[in-house]
Full PDB file with SEQRES, HELIX, SHEET, SSBOND, CRYST1, ORIGX, SCALE, CONECT and MASTER records, all heavy atoms in Angstrom:
SEQRES   1 A   34  ASP SER VAL LYS GLY ARG PHE THR ILE THR ARG ASP ASN          
SEQRES   2 A   34  ALA LYS ASN THR VAL TYR LEU GLN LEU ASN SER LEU LYS          
SEQRES   3 A   34  ALA GLU ASP THR ALA VAL TYR TYR                              
HELIX    1 AA1 ASN A   13  LYS A   15  5                                   3    
HELIX    2 AA2 ALA A   27  ASP A   29  5                                   3    
SHEET    1 AA1 2 PHE A   7  ASP A  12  0                                        
SHEET    2 AA1 2 THR A  17  LEU A  22 -1                                        
CRYST1    1.000    1.000    1.000  90.00  90.00  90.00 P 1           1          
ORIGX1      1.000000  0.000000  0.000000        0.00000                         
ORIGX2      0.000000  1.000000  0.000000        0.00000                         
ORIGX3      0.000000  0.000000  1.000000        0.00000                         
SCALE1      1.000000  0.000000  0.000000        0.00000                         
SCALE2      0.000000  1.000000  0.000000        0.00000                         
SCALE3      0.000000  0.000000  1.000000        0.00000                         
ATOM      1  N   ASP A   1      35.587-187.387 120.148  1.00  0.00           N  
ATOM      2  CA  ASP A   1      36.590-187.392 119.091  1.00  0.00           C  
ATOM      3  C   ASP A   1      37.248-185.984 118.950  1.00  0.00           C  
ATOM      4  O   ASP A   1      38.436-185.890 118.642  1.00  0.00           O  
ATOM      5  CB  ASP A   1      35.942-187.775 117.771  1.00  0.00           C  
ATOM      6  CG  ASP A   1      35.625-189.252 117.701  1.00  0.00           C  
ATOM      7  OD1 ASP A   1      36.158-190.036 118.502  1.00  0.00           O  
ATOM      8  OD2 ASP A   1      34.804-189.639 116.853  1.00  0.00           O  
ATOM      9  N   SER A   2      36.502-184.947 119.191  1.00  0.00           N  
ATOM     10  CA  SER A   2      36.995-183.611 118.988  1.00  0.00           C  
ATOM     11  C   SER A   2      38.068-183.174 120.001  1.00  0.00           C  
ATOM     12  O   SER A   2      38.775-182.218 119.782  1.00  0.00           O  
ATOM     13  CB  SER A   2      35.840-182.608 119.075  1.00  0.00           C  
ATOM     14  OG  SER A   2      35.190-182.675 120.317  1.00  0.00           O  
ATOM     15  N   VAL A   3      38.196-183.946 121.101  1.00  0.00           N  
ATOM     16  CA  VAL A   3      39.188-183.568 122.124  1.00  0.00           C  
ATOM     17  C   VAL A   3      40.233-184.616 122.340  1.00  0.00           C  
ATOM     18  O   VAL A   3      41.167-184.403 123.132  1.00  0.00           O  
ATOM     19  CB  VAL A   3      38.496-183.233 123.476  1.00  0.00           C  
ATOM     20  CG1 VAL A   3      37.380-182.218 123.281  1.00  0.00           C  
ATOM     21  CG2 VAL A   3      37.940-184.489 124.132  1.00  0.00           C  
ATOM     22  N   LYS A   4      40.143-185.759 121.659  1.00  0.00           N  
ATOM     23  CA  LYS A   4      41.132-186.828 121.849  1.00  0.00           C  
ATOM     24  C   LYS A   4      42.547-186.324 121.497  1.00  0.00           C  
ATOM     25  O   LYS A   4      42.736-185.662 120.479  1.00  0.00           O  
ATOM     26  CB  LYS A   4      40.812-188.018 120.940  1.00  0.00           C  
ATOM     27  CG  LYS A   4      39.686-188.898 121.491  1.00  0.00           C  
ATOM     28  CD  LYS A   4      39.395-190.067 120.580  1.00  0.00           C  
ATOM     29  CE  LYS A   4      38.284-190.920 121.141  1.00  0.00           C  
ATOM     30  NZ  LYS A   4      37.921-192.043 120.241  1.00  0.00           N  
ATOM     31  N   GLY A   5      43.479-186.616 122.378  1.00  0.00           N  
ATOM     32  CA  GLY A   5      44.859-186.180 122.189  1.00  0.00           C  
ATOM     33  C   GLY A   5      45.126-184.789 122.715  1.00  0.00           C  
ATOM     34  O   GLY A   5      46.279-184.364 122.821  1.00  0.00           O  
ATOM     35  N   ARG A   6      44.045-184.073 123.130  1.00  0.00           N  
ATOM     36  CA  ARG A   6      44.227-182.706 123.651  1.00  0.00           C  
ATOM     37  C   ARG A   6      43.784-182.587 125.105  1.00  0.00           C  
ATOM     38  O   ARG A   6      44.386-181.852 125.882  1.00  0.00           O  
ATOM     39  CB  ARG A   6      43.448-181.692 122.819  1.00  0.00           C  
ATOM     40  CG  ARG A   6      43.862-181.638 121.342  1.00  0.00           C  
ATOM     41  CD  ARG A   6      43.234-180.450 120.638  1.00  0.00           C  
ATOM     42  NE  ARG A   6      41.772-180.535 120.607  1.00  0.00           N  
ATOM     43  CZ  ARG A   6      40.950-179.603 121.093  1.00  0.00           C  
ATOM     44  NH1 ARG A   6      41.450-178.522 121.626  1.00  0.00           N  
ATOM     45  NH2 ARG A   6      39.630-179.741 121.026  1.00  0.00           N  
ATOM     46  N   PHE A   7      42.724-183.324 125.466  1.00  0.00           N  
ATOM     47  CA  PHE A   7      42.193-183.250 126.814  1.00  0.00           C  
ATOM     48  C   PHE A   7      42.466-184.558 127.552  1.00  0.00           C  
ATOM     49  O   PHE A   7      42.484-185.629 126.943  1.00  0.00           O  
ATOM     50  CB  PHE A   7      40.673-183.016 126.796  1.00  0.00           C  
ATOM     51  CG  PHE A   7      40.227-181.697 126.271  1.00  0.00           C  
ATOM     52  CD1 PHE A   7      41.127-180.753 125.762  1.00  0.00           C  
ATOM     53  CD2 PHE A   7      38.872-181.345 126.333  1.00  0.00           C  
ATOM     54  CE1 PHE A   7      40.687-179.533 125.280  1.00  0.00           C  
ATOM     55  CE2 PHE A   7      38.431-180.112 125.867  1.00  0.00           C  
ATOM     56  CZ  PHE A   7      39.351-179.215 125.332  1.00  0.00           C  
ATOM     57  N   THR A   8      42.649-184.468 128.871  1.00  0.00           N  
ATOM     58  CA  THR A   8      42.894-185.656 129.679  1.00  0.00           C  
ATOM     59  C   THR A   8      42.072-185.574 130.960  1.00  0.00           C  
ATOM     60  O   THR A   8      42.144-184.545 131.675  1.00  0.00           O  
ATOM     61  CB  THR A   8      44.370-185.793 130.038  1.00  0.00           C  
ATOM     62  OG1 THR A   8      45.140-185.810 128.845  1.00  0.00           O  
ATOM     63  CG2 THR A   8      44.606-187.101 130.779  1.00  0.00           C  
ATOM     64  N   ILE A   9      41.309-186.613 131.242  1.00  0.00           N  
ATOM     65  CA  ILE A   9      40.550-186.674 132.503  1.00  0.00           C  
ATOM     66  C   ILE A   9      41.286-187.576 133.484  1.00  0.00           C  
ATOM     67  O   ILE A   9      41.743-188.658 133.104  1.00  0.00           O  
ATOM     68  CB  ILE A   9      39.101-187.167 132.249  1.00  0.00           C  
ATOM     69  CG1 ILE A   9      38.275-187.073 133.509  1.00  0.00           C  
ATOM     70  CG2 ILE A   9      39.100-188.600 131.671  1.00  0.00           C  
ATOM     71  CD1 ILE A   9      36.754-187.326 133.252  1.00  0.00           C  
ATOM     72  N   THR A  10      41.426-187.091 134.728  1.00  0.00           N  
ATOM     73  CA  THR A  10      42.073-187.873 135.760  1.00  0.00           C  
ATOM     74  C   THR A  10      41.300-187.724 137.076  1.00  0.00           C  
ATOM     75  O   THR A  10      40.430-186.873 137.183  1.00  0.00           O  
ATOM     76  CB  THR A  10      43.526-187.396 135.980  1.00  0.00           C  
ATOM     77  OG1 THR A  10      43.519-186.019 136.323  1.00  0.00           O  
ATOM     78  CG2 THR A  10      44.377-187.636 134.768  1.00  0.00           C  
ATOM     79  N   ARG A  11      41.678-188.574 138.030  1.00  0.00           N  
ATOM     80  CA  ARG A  11      40.924-188.577 139.285  1.00  0.00           C  
ATOM     81  C   ARG A  11      41.910-188.669 140.435  1.00  0.00           C  
ATOM     82  O   ARG A  11      42.909-189.428 140.384  1.00  0.00           O  
ATOM     83  CB  ARG A  11      40.010-189.808 139.305  1.00  0.00           C  
ATOM     84  CG  ARG A  11      39.266-190.066 140.588  1.00  0.00           C  
ATOM     85  CD  ARG A  11      38.566-191.412 140.486  1.00  0.00           C  
ATOM     86  NE  ARG A  11      38.007-191.793 141.782  1.00  0.00           N  
ATOM     87  CZ  ARG A  11      37.810-193.080 142.124  1.00  0.00           C  
ATOM     88  NH1 ARG A  11      38.085-194.037 141.283  1.00  0.00           N  
ATOM     89  NH2 ARG A  11      37.273-193.363 143.302  1.00  0.00           N  
ATOM     90  N   ASP A  12      41.684-187.905 141.503  1.00  0.00           N  
ATOM     91  CA  ASP A  12      42.473-187.950 142.730  1.00  0.00           C  
ATOM     92  C   ASP A  12      41.542-188.454 143.821  1.00  0.00           C  
ATOM     93  O   ASP A  12      40.693-187.694 144.312  1.00  0.00           O  
ATOM     94  CB  ASP A  12      43.037-186.561 143.049  1.00  0.00           C  
ATOM     95  CG  ASP A  12      43.951-186.594 144.274  1.00  0.00           C  
ATOM     96  OD1 ASP A  12      43.762-187.460 145.151  1.00  0.00           O  
ATOM     97  OD2 ASP A  12      44.848-185.756 144.303  1.00  0.00           O  
ATOM     98  N   ASN A  13      41.672-189.735 144.172  1.00  0.00           N  
ATOM     99  CA  ASN A  13      40.795-190.355 145.170  1.00  0.00           C  
ATOM    100  C   ASN A  13      40.883-189.636 146.510  1.00  0.00           C  
ATOM    101  O   ASN A  13      39.891-189.431 147.184  1.00  0.00           O  
ATOM    102  CB  ASN A  13      41.131-191.802 145.343  1.00  0.00           C  
ATOM    103  CG  ASN A  13      40.813-192.623 144.131  1.00  0.00           C  
ATOM    104  OD1 ASN A  13      40.072-192.166 143.237  1.00  0.00           O  
ATOM    105  ND2 ASN A  13      41.375-193.813 144.021  1.00  0.00           N  
ATOM    106  N   ALA A  14      42.089-189.296 146.919  1.00  0.00           N  
ATOM    107  CA  ALA A  14      42.297-188.689 148.225  1.00  0.00           C  
ATOM    108  C   ALA A  14      41.580-187.362 148.367  1.00  0.00           C  
ATOM    109  O   ALA A  14      41.152-186.978 149.471  1.00  0.00           O  
ATOM    110  CB  ALA A  14      43.776-188.525 148.505  1.00  0.00           C  
ATOM    111  N   LYS A  15      41.465-186.645 147.258  1.00  0.00           N  
ATOM    112  CA  LYS A  15      40.828-185.299 147.279  1.00  0.00           C  
ATOM    113  C   LYS A  15      39.405-185.331 146.774  1.00  0.00           C  
ATOM    114  O   LYS A  15      38.756-184.302 146.708  1.00  0.00           O  
ATOM    115  CB  LYS A  15      41.650-184.318 146.457  1.00  0.00           C  
ATOM    116  CG  LYS A  15      43.045-184.085 146.993  1.00  0.00           C  
ATOM    117  CD  LYS A  15      43.787-183.065 146.155  1.00  0.00           C  
ATOM    118  CE  LYS A  15      45.158-182.775 146.722  1.00  0.00           C  
ATOM    119  NZ  LYS A  15      45.896-181.778 145.916  1.00  0.00           N  
ATOM    120  N   ASN A  16      38.906-186.554 146.433  1.00  0.00           N  
ATOM    121  CA  ASN A  16      37.547-186.636 145.881  1.00  0.00           C  
ATOM    122  C   ASN A  16      37.329-185.653 144.747  1.00  0.00           C  
ATOM    123  O   ASN A  16      36.281-184.981 144.659  1.00  0.00           O  
ATOM    124  CB  ASN A  16      36.499-186.434 146.984  1.00  0.00           C  
ATOM    125  CG  ASN A  16      36.603-187.442 148.098  1.00  0.00           C  
ATOM    126  OD1 ASN A  16      36.783-188.614 147.846  1.00  0.00           O  
ATOM    127  ND2 ASN A  16      36.499-186.962 149.334  1.00  0.00           N  
ATOM    128  N   THR A  17      38.314-185.581 143.892  1.00  0.00           N  
ATOM    129  CA  THR A  17      38.327-184.573 142.808  1.00  0.00           C  
ATOM    130  C   THR A  17      38.645-185.222 141.480  1.00  0.00           C  
ATOM    131  O   THR A  17      39.525-186.098 141.429  1.00  0.00           O  
ATOM    132  CB  THR A  17      39.319-183.458 143.117  1.00  0.00           C  
ATOM    133  OG1 THR A  17      38.944-182.815 144.339  1.00  0.00           O  
ATOM    134  CG2 THR A  17      39.345-182.421 142.018  1.00  0.00           C  
ATOM    135  N   VAL A  18      37.955-184.784 140.455  1.00  0.00           N  
ATOM    136  CA  VAL A  18      38.252-185.188 139.079  1.00  0.00           C  
ATOM    137  C   VAL A  18      38.722-183.938 138.339  1.00  0.00           C  
ATOM    138  O   VAL A  18      38.180-182.863 138.524  1.00  0.00           O  
ATOM    139  CB  VAL A  18      37.007-185.799 138.389  1.00  0.00           C  
ATOM    140  CG1 VAL A  18      37.224-185.956 136.897  1.00  0.00           C  
ATOM    141  CG2 VAL A  18      36.674-187.150 139.007  1.00  0.00           C  
ATOM    142  N   TYR A  19      39.743-184.145 137.516  1.00  0.00           N  
ATOM    143  CA  TYR A  19      40.334-183.033 136.766  1.00  0.00           C  
ATOM    144  C   TYR A  19      40.128-183.223 135.268  1.00  0.00           C  
ATOM    145  O   TYR A  19      40.020-184.361 134.786  1.00  0.00           O  
ATOM    146  CB  TYR A  19      41.835-182.946 137.072  1.00  0.00           C  
ATOM    147  CG  TYR A  19      42.164-182.749 138.502  1.00  0.00           C  
ATOM    148  CD1 TYR A  19      42.521-183.840 139.287  1.00  0.00           C  
ATOM    149  CD2 TYR A  19      42.134-181.495 139.084  1.00  0.00           C  
ATOM    150  CE1 TYR A  19      42.834-183.673 140.631  1.00  0.00           C  
ATOM    151  CE2 TYR A  19      42.450-181.314 140.435  1.00  0.00           C  
ATOM    152  CZ  TYR A  19      42.798-182.396 141.188  1.00  0.00           C  
ATOM    153  OH  TYR A  19      43.102-182.234 142.528  1.00  0.00           O  
ATOM    154  N   LEU A  20      40.098-182.143 134.554  1.00  0.00           N  
ATOM    155  CA  LEU A  20      40.159-182.173 133.118  1.00  0.00           C  
ATOM    156  C   LEU A  20      41.237-181.223 132.661  1.00  0.00           C  
ATOM    157  O   LEU A  20      41.151-180.022 132.845  1.00  0.00           O  
ATOM    158  CB  LEU A  20      38.815-181.772 132.503  1.00  0.00           C  
ATOM    159  CG  LEU A  20      38.707-181.910 130.963  1.00  0.00           C  
ATOM    160  CD1 LEU A  20      38.753-183.384 130.597  1.00  0.00           C  
ATOM    161  CD2 LEU A  20      37.459-181.247 130.430  1.00  0.00           C  
ATOM    162  N   GLN A  21      42.322-181.804 132.109  1.00  0.00           N  
ATOM    163  CA  GLN A  21      43.414-181.029 131.577  1.00  0.00           C  
ATOM    164  C   GLN A  21      43.107-180.688 130.118  1.00  0.00           C  
ATOM    165  O   GLN A  21      42.897-181.618 129.309  1.00  0.00           O  
ATOM    166  CB  GLN A  21      44.725-181.778 131.671  1.00  0.00           C  
ATOM    167  CG  GLN A  21      45.920-181.055 131.095  1.00  0.00           C  
ATOM    168  CD  GLN A  21      46.315-179.830 131.923  1.00  0.00           C  
ATOM    169  OE1 GLN A  21      46.270-179.837 133.138  1.00  0.00           O  
ATOM    170  NE2 GLN A  21      46.678-178.766 131.222  1.00  0.00           N  
ATOM    171  N   LEU A  22      43.064-179.423 129.799  1.00  0.00           N  
ATOM    172  CA  LEU A  22      42.756-178.966 128.437  1.00  0.00           C  
ATOM    173  C   LEU A  22      44.006-178.363 127.820  1.00  0.00           C  
ATOM    174  O   LEU A  22      44.518-177.331 128.307  1.00  0.00           O  
ATOM    175  CB  LEU A  22      41.637-177.899 128.469  1.00  0.00           C  
ATOM    176  CG  LEU A  22      40.229-178.291 128.896  1.00  0.00           C  
ATOM    177  CD1 LEU A  22      40.143-178.609 130.366  1.00  0.00           C  
ATOM    178  CD2 LEU A  22      39.246-177.175 128.543  1.00  0.00           C  
ATOM    179  N   ASN A  23      44.530-178.989 126.791  1.00  0.00           N  
ATOM    180  CA  ASN A  23      45.697-178.496 126.072  1.00  0.00           C  
ATOM    181  C   ASN A  23      45.367-178.165 124.623  1.00  0.00           C  
ATOM    182  O   ASN A  23      44.337-178.630 124.114  1.00  0.00           O  
ATOM    183  CB  ASN A  23      46.796-179.536 126.105  1.00  0.00           C  
ATOM    184  CG  ASN A  23      47.309-179.828 127.500  1.00  0.00           C  
ATOM    185  OD1 ASN A  23      47.307-178.961 128.369  1.00  0.00           O  
ATOM    186  ND2 ASN A  23      47.805-181.039 127.713  1.00  0.00           N  
ATOM    187  N   SER A  24      46.200-177.375 123.995  1.00  0.00           N  
ATOM    188  CA  SER A  24      46.036-177.009 122.590  1.00  0.00           C  
ATOM    189  C   SER A  24      44.605-176.502 122.329  1.00  0.00           C  
ATOM    190  O   SER A  24      43.951-176.914 121.391  1.00  0.00           O  
ATOM    191  CB  SER A  24      46.351-178.200 121.702  1.00  0.00           C  
ATOM    192  OG  SER A  24      47.659-178.685 121.911  1.00  0.00           O  
ATOM    193  N   LEU A  25      44.174-175.561 123.162  1.00  0.00           N  
ATOM    194  CA  LEU A  25      42.806-175.112 123.102  1.00  0.00           C  
ATOM    195  C   LEU A  25      42.528-174.360 121.806  1.00  0.00           C  
ATOM    196  O   LEU A  25      43.388-173.642 121.277  1.00  0.00           O  
ATOM    197  CB  LEU A  25      42.474-174.237 124.300  1.00  0.00           C  
ATOM    198  CG  LEU A  25      42.212-175.039 125.594  1.00  0.00           C  
ATOM    199  CD1 LEU A  25      42.339-174.157 126.828  1.00  0.00           C  
ATOM    200  CD2 LEU A  25      40.826-175.666 125.544  1.00  0.00           C  
ATOM    201  N   LYS A  26      41.296-174.533 121.324  1.00  0.00           N  
ATOM    202  CA  LYS A  26      40.817-173.887 120.123  1.00  0.00           C  
ATOM    203  C   LYS A  26      39.606-173.030 120.423  1.00  0.00           C  
ATOM    204  O   LYS A  26      38.947-173.206 121.448  1.00  0.00           O  
ATOM    205  CB  LYS A  26      40.422-174.935 119.096  1.00  0.00           C  
ATOM    206  CG  LYS A  26      41.487-175.995 118.790  1.00  0.00           C  
ATOM    207  CD  LYS A  26      40.939-177.039 117.858  1.00  0.00           C  
ATOM    208  CE  LYS A  26      41.971-178.127 117.582  1.00  0.00           C  
ATOM    209  NZ  LYS A  26      41.438-179.189 116.687  1.00  0.00           N  
ATOM    210  N   ALA A  27      39.317-172.121 119.524  1.00  0.00           N  
ATOM    211  CA  ALA A  27      38.152-171.229 119.742  1.00  0.00           C  
ATOM    212  C   ALA A  27      36.869-172.073 119.918  1.00  0.00           C  
ATOM    213  O   ALA A  27      36.004-171.690 120.728  1.00  0.00           O  
ATOM    214  CB  ALA A  27      38.014-170.264 118.572  1.00  0.00           C  
ATOM    215  N   GLU A  28      36.786-173.166 119.207  1.00  0.00           N  
ATOM    216  CA  GLU A  28      35.577-173.972 119.275  1.00  0.00           C  
ATOM    217  C   GLU A  28      35.444-174.745 120.579  1.00  0.00           C  
ATOM    218  O   GLU A  28      34.421-175.418 120.825  1.00  0.00           O  
ATOM    219  CB  GLU A  28      35.482-174.973 118.118  1.00  0.00           C  
ATOM    220  CG  GLU A  28      36.730-175.793 117.864  1.00  0.00           C  
ATOM    221  CD  GLU A  28      37.641-175.171 116.832  1.00  0.00           C  
ATOM    222  OE1 GLU A  28      37.823-173.937 116.810  1.00  0.00           O  
ATOM    223  OE2 GLU A  28      38.188-175.953 115.990  1.00  0.00           O  
ATOM    224  N   ASP A  29      36.453-174.664 121.455  1.00  0.00           N  
ATOM    225  CA  ASP A  29      36.340-175.261 122.788  1.00  0.00           C  
ATOM    226  C   ASP A  29      35.637-174.338 123.778  1.00  0.00           C  
ATOM    227  O   ASP A  29      35.351-174.735 124.904  1.00  0.00           O  
ATOM    228  CB  ASP A  29      37.727-175.608 123.345  1.00  0.00           C  
ATOM    229  CG  ASP A  29      38.433-176.694 122.552  1.00  0.00           C  
ATOM    230  OD1 ASP A  29      37.771-177.676 122.156  1.00  0.00           O  
ATOM    231  OD2 ASP A  29      39.664-176.547 122.305  1.00  0.00           O  
ATOM    232  N   THR A  30      35.342-173.107 123.338  1.00  0.00           N  
ATOM    233  CA  THR A  30      34.676-172.163 124.188  1.00  0.00           C  
ATOM    234  C   THR A  30      33.271-172.680 124.559  1.00  0.00           C  
ATOM    235  O   THR A  30      32.490-173.021 123.680  1.00  0.00           O  
ATOM    236  CB  THR A  30      34.544-170.801 123.478  1.00  0.00           C  
ATOM    237  OG1 THR A  30      35.835-170.266 123.290  1.00  0.00           O  
ATOM    238  CG2 THR A  30      33.704-169.849 124.302  1.00  0.00           C  
ATOM    239  N   ALA A  31      33.013-172.760 125.864  1.00  0.00           N  
ATOM    240  CA  ALA A  31      31.736-173.279 126.346  1.00  0.00           C  
ATOM    241  C   ALA A  31      31.731-173.202 127.875  1.00  0.00           C  
ATOM    242  O   ALA A  31      32.740-172.883 128.494  1.00  0.00           O  
ATOM    243  CB  ALA A  31      31.590-174.745 125.940  1.00  0.00           C  
ATOM    244  N   VAL A  32      30.562-173.488 128.452  1.00  0.00           N  
ATOM    245  CA  VAL A  32      30.464-173.732 129.877  1.00  0.00           C  
ATOM    246  C   VAL A  32      30.726-175.220 130.076  1.00  0.00           C  
ATOM    247  O   VAL A  32      30.078-176.047 129.428  1.00  0.00           O  
ATOM    248  CB  VAL A  32      29.105-173.306 130.466  1.00  0.00           C  
ATOM    249  CG1 VAL A  32      29.044-173.665 131.944  1.00  0.00           C  
ATOM    250  CG2 VAL A  32      28.846-171.833 130.226  1.00  0.00           C  
ATOM    251  N   TYR A  33      31.628-175.553 130.934  1.00  0.00           N  
ATOM    252  CA  TYR A  33      32.016-176.920 131.214  1.00  0.00           C  
ATOM    253  C   TYR A  33      31.371-177.371 132.527  1.00  0.00           C  
ATOM    254  O   TYR A  33      31.502-176.695 133.549  1.00  0.00           O  
ATOM    255  CB  TYR A  33      33.499-177.089 131.264  1.00  0.00           C  
ATOM    256  CG  TYR A  33      34.171-177.069 129.896  1.00  0.00           C  
ATOM    257  CD1 TYR A  33      34.212-175.896 129.133  1.00  0.00           C  
ATOM    258  CD2 TYR A  33      34.697-178.221 129.330  1.00  0.00           C  
ATOM    259  CE1 TYR A  33      34.780-175.877 127.878  1.00  0.00           C  
ATOM    260  CE2 TYR A  33      35.277-178.212 128.104  1.00  0.00           C  
ATOM    261  CZ  TYR A  33      35.294-177.033 127.359  1.00  0.00           C  
ATOM    262  OH  TYR A  33      35.866-177.040 126.088  1.00  0.00           O  
ATOM    263  N   TYR A  34      30.668-178.490 132.461  1.00  0.00           N  
ATOM    264  CA  TYR A  34      29.946-179.048 133.610  1.00  0.00           C  
ATOM    265  C   TYR A  34      30.523-180.392 133.980  1.00  0.00           C  
ATOM    266  O   TYR A  34      30.858-181.199 133.106  1.00  0.00           O  
ATOM    267  CB  TYR A  34      28.464-179.243 133.276  1.00  0.00           C  
ATOM    268  CG  TYR A  34      27.717-177.957 132.982  1.00  0.00           C  
ATOM    269  CD1 TYR A  34      27.631-177.514 131.644  1.00  0.00           C  
ATOM    270  CD2 TYR A  34      27.076-177.241 133.963  1.00  0.00           C  
ATOM    271  CE1 TYR A  34      26.916-176.345 131.339  1.00  0.00           C  
ATOM    272  CE2 TYR A  34      26.361-176.069 133.651  1.00  0.00           C  
ATOM    273  CZ  TYR A  34      26.299-175.648 132.346  1.00  0.00           C  
ATOM    274  OH  TYR A  34      25.580-174.510 132.047  1.00  0.00           O  
TER     275      TYR A  34                                                      
MASTER        0    0    0    2    2    0    0    6  274    1    0    3          
END                                                                             
């Protein structure tokens, strides 16, 4: 709930890669992302 509307997860099959787009970042988003 804390990231809805700000973050987007997508996948590129050809590159075997998943992305996380982080927009409108806040101080409370500070963390190690796994």
